């Protein structure tokens, strides 16, 4: 075994020395002999090495191209994500402006900053960028264009802490849209995706709410004014209480998506804000309709132009069933009347020939007799 190893090492050394000698000889050879020798080596002994180098270059190019395409794909994905996020933010700000226009007075706009924590933990508190210097007081309602978010728990001069409806201490007096059923909304304290749901408790047993019924704040208790949306009834929950019903409610607002809110002042809470959210929904629907009409304006114009071209094509085909040349030209330019069978108008006579009599070319002297006067 050791002998074979020594023999292989000797062969390698000899091959190396031979390659060095050939390289030196190739360097000292003149150009007219060096180029044919190099070509012969490339076609014979060095051909496998050249093929290996070409394959390595292809693999290197493919690897670099893969990295480049991955970077482009990631960049496009990030741009698309940012575009969607900006559209959602613009839509929320548009809704907030519509709510402020209908509220008119008695509110303080603020940004909602989420408290740091684990992703799987539910959001129960929000940090607001407005405090007592702006007129915010404890227990002030915090609302969004969709409905109730929570209420202010603590205030500082420049910031405040609000609890969301998912907080265990949250309560709000609720009623149905027609005012036939009243109850109290509690947070649905269960783990999992149902953590952001609400429970409408203490509803009289004689009253039954159907799934899809919208629940509003009733104004009882003095914290929340009447008419703010809370959520939508999902289903009735089975409980041991026989004198009341409990319903599971889907909230109108998701705390994880809240970025801008409005804080109601005590003076505004004392006034009626009925139908404010209904009018905001109507305005938002109208705004969406106008935006959709504006977006489809170009499409409608294109459809109208295509319909006009089809009508021109059909009329051209009806006039000339066998003439395909005029049919094709009707799709590009409007038809131009070129009637060559119409007789040409006769030239009008010259004005001087009709206004003046043609002078007599016969001289008067030729009419006289040869001897003198007649």
Protein backbone atom coordinates (compact mmCIF):
# COMPACT_ATOMS: atom_id res chain seq x y z
CA UNK A 1 0.00 0.00 0.00
CA UNK A 2 2.81 2.37 0.91
CA UNK A 3 4.66 1.35 -2.24
CA UNK A 4 1.70 2.29 -4.44
CA UNK A 5 1.48 5.63 -2.70
CA UNK A 6 5.19 6.34 -3.30
CA UNK A 7 4.78 5.32 -6.96
CA UNK A 8 1.79 7.65 -7.43
CA UNK A 9 3.65 10.55 -5.86
CA UNK A 10 6.61 9.96 -8.19
CA UNK A 11 4.29 9.93 -11.21
CA UNK A 12 2.75 13.19 -10.11
CA UNK A 13 6.15 14.81 -9.66
CA UNK A 14 7.30 13.63 -13.08
CA UNK A 15 4.11 14.90 -14.71
CA UNK A 16 4.54 18.24 -12.98
CA UNK A 17 8.14 18.57 -14.14
CA UNK A 18 7.11 17.63 -17.66
CA UNK A 19 4.40 20.30 -17.68
CA UNK A 20 6.90 22.90 -16.46
CA UNK A 21 9.34 21.98 -19.23
CA UNK A 22 6.61 22.17 -21.86
CA UNK A 23 5.54 25.54 -20.55
CA UNK A 24 9.12 26.86 -20.75
CA UNK A 25 9.54 25.50 -24.23
CA UNK A 26 6.25 27.06 -25.33
CA UNK A 27 7.37 30.45 -23.98
CA UNK A 28 10.63 30.44 -25.88
CA UNK A 29 9.15 29.21 -29.14
CA UNK A 30 8.52 31.83 -31.85
CA UNK A 31 4.96 32.98 -32.53
CA UNK A 32 4.62 31.05 -35.80
CA UNK A 33 5.27 27.79 -33.92
CA UNK A 34 3.62 28.67 -30.61
CA UNK A 35 0.10 29.20 -31.95
CA UNK A 36 -0.18 25.88 -33.85
CA UNK A 37 1.22 24.03 -30.84
CA UNK A 38 -1.27 25.72 -28.51
CA UNK A 39 -4.16 24.89 -30.84
CA UNK A 40 -3.08 21.25 -31.00
CA UNK A 41 -2.91 21.04 -27.20
CA UNK A 42 -6.37 22.65 -26.82
CA UNK A 43 -7.86 20.10 -29.19
CA UNK A 44 -6.17 17.06 -27.59
CA UNK A 45 -4.72 17.01 -24.07
CA UNK A 46 -6.23 20.23 -22.70
CA UNK A 47 -9.73 19.70 -24.20
CA UNK A 48 -11.16 18.07 -21.00
CA UNK A 49 -9.86 20.96 -18.90
CA UNK A 50 -11.40 23.50 -21.24
CA UNK A 51 -14.73 21.68 -21.11
CA UNK A 52 -14.55 21.62 -17.31
CA UNK A 53 -13.84 25.34 -17.24
CA UNK A 54 -16.79 26.07 -19.52
CA UNK A 55 -19.09 24.04 -17.28
CA UNK A 56 -17.79 25.86 -14.20
CA UNK A 57 -18.46 29.22 -15.87
CA UNK A 58 -22.00 28.16 -16.72
CA UNK A 59 -22.64 27.06 -13.15
CA UNK A 60 -21.19 30.32 -11.83
CA UNK A 61 -23.39 32.38 -14.16
CA UNK A 62 -26.47 30.35 -13.20
CA UNK A 63 -25.72 30.85 -9.50
CA UNK A 64 -25.28 34.60 -9.91
CA UNK A 65 -28.44 34.80 -12.03
CA UNK A 66 -30.36 32.92 -9.35
CA UNK A 67 -29.23 35.38 -6.69
CA UNK A 68 -30.11 38.32 -8.90
CA UNK A 69 -33.59 36.99 -9.62
CA UNK A 70 -34.13 36.26 -5.93
CA UNK A 71 -33.23 39.87 -5.09
CA UNK A 72 -35.60 41.17 -7.77
CA UNK A 73 -38.42 38.92 -6.57
CA UNK A 74 -37.94 39.98 -2.94
CA UNK A 75 -37.86 43.65 -3.95
CA UNK A 76 -41.09 43.34 -5.92
CA UNK A 77 -42.75 41.51 -3.05
CA UNK A 78 -41.75 44.24 -0.61
CA UNK A 79 -43.04 46.93 -2.95
CA UNK A 80 -46.34 45.13 -3.39
CA UNK A 81 -46.68 44.68 0.37
CA UNK A 82 -45.94 48.36 1.00
CA UNK A 83 -48.43 49.37 -1.68
CA UNK A 84 -51.18 47.29 -0.09
CA UNK A 85 -50.32 48.66 3.34
CA UNK A 86 -50.46 52.23 2.07
CA UNK A 87 -53.83 51.61 0.44
CA UNK A 88 -55.23 50.25 3.71
CA UNK A 89 -53.80 53.20 5.64
CA UNK A 90 -55.23 55.71 3.16
CA UNK A 91 -58.62 54.04 3.37
CA UNK A 92 -58.57 54.21 7.17
CA UNK A 93 -57.52 57.88 7.15
CA UNK A 94 -60.27 58.65 4.65
CA UNK A 95 -62.81 57.02 6.96
CA UNK A 96 -61.40 58.96 9.92
CA UNK A 97 -61.76 62.24 8.03
CA UNK A 98 -65.34 61.35 7.16
CA UNK A 99 -66.09 60.62 10.82
CA UNK A 100 -64.54 63.92 11.88
CA UNK A 101 -66.58 65.81 9.29
CA UNK A 102 -69.81 64.32 10.63
CA UNK A 103 -68.80 64.66 14.29
CA UNK A 104 -67.89 68.33 13.63
CA UNK A 105 -66.64 69.03 17.19
CA UNK A 106 -65.90 67.50 20.58
CA UNK A 107 -63.16 65.01 19.63
CA UNK A 108 -59.37 64.76 19.70
CA UNK A 109 -57.55 62.78 16.99
CA UNK A 110 -54.58 60.68 18.07
CA UNK A 111 -52.31 57.91 16.84
CA UNK A 112 -52.50 54.49 18.47
CA UNK A 113 -49.17 52.84 19.32
CA UNK A 114 -49.27 49.15 20.12
CA UNK A 115 -47.45 47.95 23.22
CA UNK A 116 -44.52 45.62 22.54
CA UNK A 117 -45.12 41.96 23.26
CA UNK A 118 -45.38 38.54 21.71
CA UNK A 119 -47.24 38.15 18.46
CA UNK A 120 -49.56 35.50 19.87
CA UNK A 121 -50.58 37.69 22.82
CA UNK A 122 -53.87 39.63 22.30
CA UNK A 123 -53.70 43.41 22.22
CA UNK A 124 -55.45 44.75 25.31
CA UNK A 125 -53.93 48.24 25.68
CA UNK A 126 -53.03 51.06 23.30
CA UNK A 127 -50.73 54.03 23.82
CA UNK A 128 -52.28 57.24 22.47
CA UNK A 129 -50.24 60.27 21.36
CA UNK A 130 -52.46 62.78 23.19
CA UNK A 131 -52.81 63.50 26.88
CA UNK A 132 -54.31 65.82 29.45
CA UNK A 133 -52.80 68.89 27.78
CA UNK A 134 -55.16 68.22 24.86
CA UNK A 135 -58.19 67.88 27.13
CA UNK A 136 -58.28 64.10 27.47
CA UNK A 137 -59.72 62.79 30.72
CA UNK A 138 -59.97 59.39 32.31
CA UNK A 139 -62.78 57.14 31.01
CA UNK A 140 -62.99 59.08 27.74
CA UNK A 141 -64.31 56.85 24.92
CA UNK A 142 -61.88 55.85 22.17
CA UNK A 143 -63.57 55.27 18.82
CA UNK A 144 -62.61 54.49 15.23
CA UNK A 145 -64.51 54.89 11.95
CA UNK A 146 -65.80 51.31 12.39
CA UNK A 147 -66.97 51.66 16.00
CA UNK A 148 -65.84 51.36 19.62
CA UNK A 149 -62.17 50.66 20.37
CA UNK A 150 -62.04 51.11 24.15
CA UNK A 151 -61.66 53.85 26.74
CA UNK A 152 -58.87 55.88 28.34
CA UNK A 153 -57.58 54.36 31.56
CA UNK A 154 -54.67 56.66 32.56
CA UNK A 155 -53.63 60.09 31.31
CA UNK A 156 -50.33 61.96 31.21
CA UNK A 157 -49.65 65.49 29.94
CA UNK A 158 -48.59 64.33 26.46
CA UNK A 159 -49.84 60.73 26.22
CA UNK A 160 -52.45 58.36 27.59
CA UNK A 161 -53.11 54.65 27.96
CA UNK A 162 -56.37 53.17 26.72
CA UNK A 163 -57.78 49.71 27.24
CA UNK A 164 -59.29 47.92 24.25
CA UNK A 165 -62.49 45.88 24.30
CA UNK A 166 -60.32 42.75 24.67
CA UNK A 167 -59.19 43.90 28.14
CA UNK A 168 -60.78 41.97 31.04
CA UNK A 169 -61.99 45.23 32.64
CA UNK A 170 -63.90 46.42 29.57
CA UNK A 171 -67.69 46.86 29.80
CA UNK A 172 -70.21 48.70 27.65
CA UNK A 173 -73.99 48.89 27.75
CA UNK A 174 -75.36 47.66 24.43
CA UNK A 175 -78.63 47.46 22.53
CA UNK A 176 -79.91 46.18 19.21
CA UNK A 177 -80.39 48.49 16.25
CA UNK A 178 -84.17 48.75 16.75
CA UNK A 179 -83.86 49.19 20.52
CA UNK A 180 -85.83 46.02 21.32
CA UNK A 181 -83.03 44.28 23.23
CA UNK A 182 -80.54 45.58 25.80
CA UNK A 183 -77.55 43.97 27.47
CA UNK A 184 -73.93 44.43 28.51
CA UNK A 185 -70.96 43.59 26.28
CA UNK A 186 -68.07 41.74 27.95
CA UNK A 187 -64.79 40.51 26.47
CA UNK A 188 -64.79 36.87 25.39
CA UNK A 189 -61.95 35.56 27.55
CA UNK A 190 -60.97 32.44 25.66
CA UNK A 191 -57.62 31.50 24.17
CA UNK A 192 -57.14 31.18 20.45
CA UNK A 193 -58.54 33.12 17.52
CA UNK A 194 -61.78 33.87 19.42
CA UNK A 195 -59.92 36.10 21.88
CA UNK A 196 -61.07 39.25 20.07
CA UNK A 197 -64.78 38.38 20.29
CA UNK A 198 -67.33 39.87 22.67
CA UNK A 199 -70.20 38.44 24.72
CA UNK A 200 -73.53 40.23 24.89
CA UNK A 201 -74.91 39.14 28.27
CA UNK A 202 -78.08 39.81 30.30
CA UNK A 203 -80.34 39.99 27.25
CA UNK A 204 -83.96 39.29 28.32
CA UNK A 205 -84.99 35.75 27.57
CA UNK A 206 -88.13 36.87 25.75
CA UNK A 207 -85.95 38.70 23.21
CA UNK A 208 -84.21 36.75 20.49
CA UNK A 209 -81.51 38.23 18.24
CA UNK A 210 -80.79 36.76 14.84
CA UNK A 211 -77.27 36.29 13.50
CA UNK A 212 -76.18 39.43 11.65
CA UNK A 213 -77.94 41.86 13.99
CA UNK A 214 -75.84 44.98 14.56
CA UNK A 215 -75.28 45.95 18.20
CA UNK A 216 -74.80 49.60 19.25
CA UNK A 217 -73.95 51.35 22.48
CA UNK A 218 -77.10 52.24 24.41
CA UNK A 219 -75.79 55.35 26.20
CA UNK A 220 -76.55 53.93 29.66
CA UNK A 221 -73.82 54.38 32.24
CA UNK A 222 -72.58 57.76 31.03
CA UNK A 223 -69.27 56.54 29.52
CA UNK A 224 -70.24 55.82 25.93
CA UNK A 225 -72.83 57.89 24.07
CA UNK A 226 -75.72 56.25 22.30
CA UNK A 227 -75.35 54.95 18.74
CA UNK A 228 -71.71 53.80 18.42
CA UNK A 229 -71.38 50.42 16.64
CA UNK A 230 -70.03 47.59 18.80
CA UNK A 231 -70.27 44.57 16.54
CA UNK A 232 -72.48 41.99 14.87
CA UNK A 233 -74.22 39.02 16.47
CA UNK A 234 -72.74 35.68 15.44
CA UNK A 235 -74.75 33.13 17.40
CA UNK A 236 -76.36 32.43 20.76
CA UNK A 237 -74.21 30.87 23.49
CA UNK A 238 -75.50 28.08 25.69
CA UNK A 239 -75.45 29.10 29.36
CA UNK A 240 -76.91 27.80 32.59
CA UNK A 241 -78.90 30.97 33.22
CA UNK A 242 -82.56 30.52 32.41
CA UNK A 243 -83.71 34.12 32.73
CA UNK A 244 -81.43 35.75 30.16
CA UNK A 245 -79.62 35.05 26.89
CA UNK A 246 -75.97 35.43 25.93
CA UNK A 247 -74.81 36.07 22.38
CA UNK A 248 -71.38 35.89 20.77
CA UNK A 249 -70.58 39.16 18.98
CA UNK A 250 -68.03 39.87 16.26
CA UNK A 251 -66.53 43.32 17.07
CA UNK A 252 -66.58 46.03 14.43
CA UNK A 253 -62.92 46.97 15.09
CA UNK A 254 -59.79 44.83 15.22
CA UNK A 255 -57.30 46.31 17.73
CA UNK A 256 -54.38 44.85 15.80
CA UNK A 257 -55.27 47.04 12.78
CA UNK A 258 -55.95 50.27 14.66
CA UNK A 259 -53.43 53.04 13.93
CA UNK A 260 -55.50 56.24 14.24
CA UNK A 261 -58.38 56.89 16.65
CA UNK A 262 -60.61 59.64 18.00
CA UNK A 263 -61.07 60.43 21.69
CA UNK A 264 -64.43 61.96 22.60
CA UNK A 265 -64.59 64.92 24.98
CA UNK A 266 -67.06 64.96 27.90
CA UNK A 267 -69.01 67.82 26.26
CA UNK A 268 -69.52 65.71 23.14
CA UNK A 269 -70.62 62.68 25.14
CA UNK A 270 -73.45 64.71 26.67
CA UNK A 271 -74.76 65.59 23.20
CA UNK A 272 -76.52 63.20 20.87
CA UNK A 273 -74.45 61.51 18.16
CA UNK A 274 -77.19 59.28 16.80
CA UNK A 275 -76.84 58.28 13.14
CA UNK A 276 -73.30 59.68 12.92
CA UNK A 277 -71.86 56.29 12.05
CA UNK A 278 -74.76 55.55 9.71
CA UNK A 279 -74.03 58.76 7.80
CA UNK A 280 -70.32 57.94 7.77
CA UNK A 281 -71.11 54.55 6.23
CA UNK A 282 -73.27 56.22 3.59
CA UNK A 283 -70.53 58.74 2.77
CA UNK A 284 -67.94 55.98 2.60
CA UNK A 285 -70.15 53.99 0.24
CA UNK A 286 -70.61 57.06 -1.94
CA UNK A 287 -66.86 57.72 -1.91
CA UNK A 288 -66.17 54.14 -2.93
CA UNK A 289 -68.70 54.49 -5.73
CA UNK A 290 -67.09 57.68 -7.00
CA UNK A 291 -63.64 56.10 -6.83
CA UNK A 292 -64.87 53.04 -8.69
CA UNK A 293 -66.49 55.25 -11.33
CA UNK A 294 -63.29 57.22 -11.71
CA UNK A 295 -61.22 54.08 -12.04
CA UNK A 296 -63.53 52.63 -14.69
CA UNK A 297 -63.80 55.84 -16.75
CA UNK A 298 -60.99 54.85 -19.10
CA UNK A 299 -62.40 51.34 -19.42
CA UNK A 300 -65.83 52.68 -20.33
CA UNK A 301 -64.32 55.00 -22.93
CA UNK A 302 -62.40 52.08 -24.44
CA UNK A 303 -65.56 49.96 -24.54
CA UNK A 304 -67.49 52.77 -26.21
CA UNK A 305 -64.79 53.20 -28.82
CA UNK A 306 -64.72 49.46 -29.48
CA UNK A 307 -68.51 49.42 -29.84
CA UNK A 308 -68.37 52.30 -32.34
CA UNK A 309 -65.75 50.48 -34.37
CA UNK A 310 -67.81 47.29 -34.36
CA UNK A 311 -70.87 49.24 -35.52
CA UNK A 312 -68.87 50.80 -38.35
CA UNK A 313 -67.53 47.39 -39.30
CA UNK A 314 -71.01 45.84 -39.35
CA UNK A 315 -72.43 48.65 -41.46
CA UNK A 316 -69.53 48.37 -43.91
CA UNK A 317 -70.05 44.65 -44.23
CA UNK A 318 -73.78 45.15 -44.77
CA UNK A 319 -73.16 47.63 -47.60
CA UNK A 320 -70.44 45.57 -49.32
CA UNK A 321 -70.66 41.87 -48.39
CA UNK A 322 -67.89 40.83 -50.81
CA UNK A 323 -65.56 43.85 -50.46
CA UNK A 324 -63.06 42.99 -47.71
CA UNK A 325 -60.78 45.92 -48.49
CA UNK A 326 -63.31 48.54 -47.42
CA UNK A 327 -64.23 46.49 -44.37
CA UNK A 328 -60.64 46.47 -43.18
CA UNK A 329 -60.20 50.16 -43.84
CA UNK A 330 -63.35 50.91 -41.85
CA UNK A 331 -61.63 49.66 -38.72
CA UNK A 332 -58.80 52.19 -39.01
CA UNK A 333 -60.22 55.41 -40.43
CA UNK A 334 -63.79 56.60 -40.99
CA UNK A 335 -65.09 56.06 -44.53
CA UNK A 336 -64.59 58.96 -46.95
CA UNK A 337 -67.04 59.48 -49.78
CA UNK A 338 -65.29 59.05 -53.11
CA UNK A 339 -68.07 58.86 -55.70
CA UNK A 340 -66.43 58.71 -59.12
CA UNK A 341 -69.65 58.03 -61.03
CA UNK A 342 -71.06 61.49 -60.41
CA UNK A 343 -70.98 63.56 -63.66
CA UNK A 344 -68.60 66.46 -63.76
CA UNK A 345 -70.15 69.92 -63.78
CA UNK A 346 -70.05 71.67 -67.14
CA UNK A 347 -67.73 74.66 -67.30
CA UNK A 348 -69.47 77.97 -67.03
CA UNK A 349 -69.20 80.27 -70.06
CA UNK A 350 -66.86 83.19 -69.87
CA UNK A 351 -68.37 86.41 -68.69
CA UNK A 352 -66.89 88.59 -71.45
CA UNK A 353 -68.34 86.38 -74.20
CA UNK A 354 -71.90 86.85 -72.94
CA UNK A 355 -71.77 90.46 -71.82
CA UNK A 356 -70.26 91.92 -75.00
CA UNK A 357 -71.35 91.12 -78.58
CA UNK A 358 -68.72 89.71 -80.77
CA UNK A 359 -67.35 92.48 -82.95
CA UNK A 360 -67.97 92.30 -86.71
CA UNK A 361 -64.85 91.45 -88.53
CA UNK A 362 -66.16 92.91 -91.84
CA UNK A 363 -65.07 96.48 -92.45
CA UNK A 364 -67.78 99.05 -93.26
CA UNK A 365 -65.70 100.41 -96.18
CA UNK A 366 -66.05 97.13 -98.00
CA UNK A 367 -69.81 97.62 -98.16
CA UNK A 368 -69.57 100.92 -100.02
CA UNK A 369 -69.65 101.00 -103.84
CA UNK A 370 -66.46 101.61 -105.65
CA UNK A 371 -67.49 104.98 -106.96
CA UNK A 372 -68.21 106.75 -103.70
CA UNK A 373 -71.22 107.10 -101.42
CA UNK A 374 -74.26 104.93 -102.01
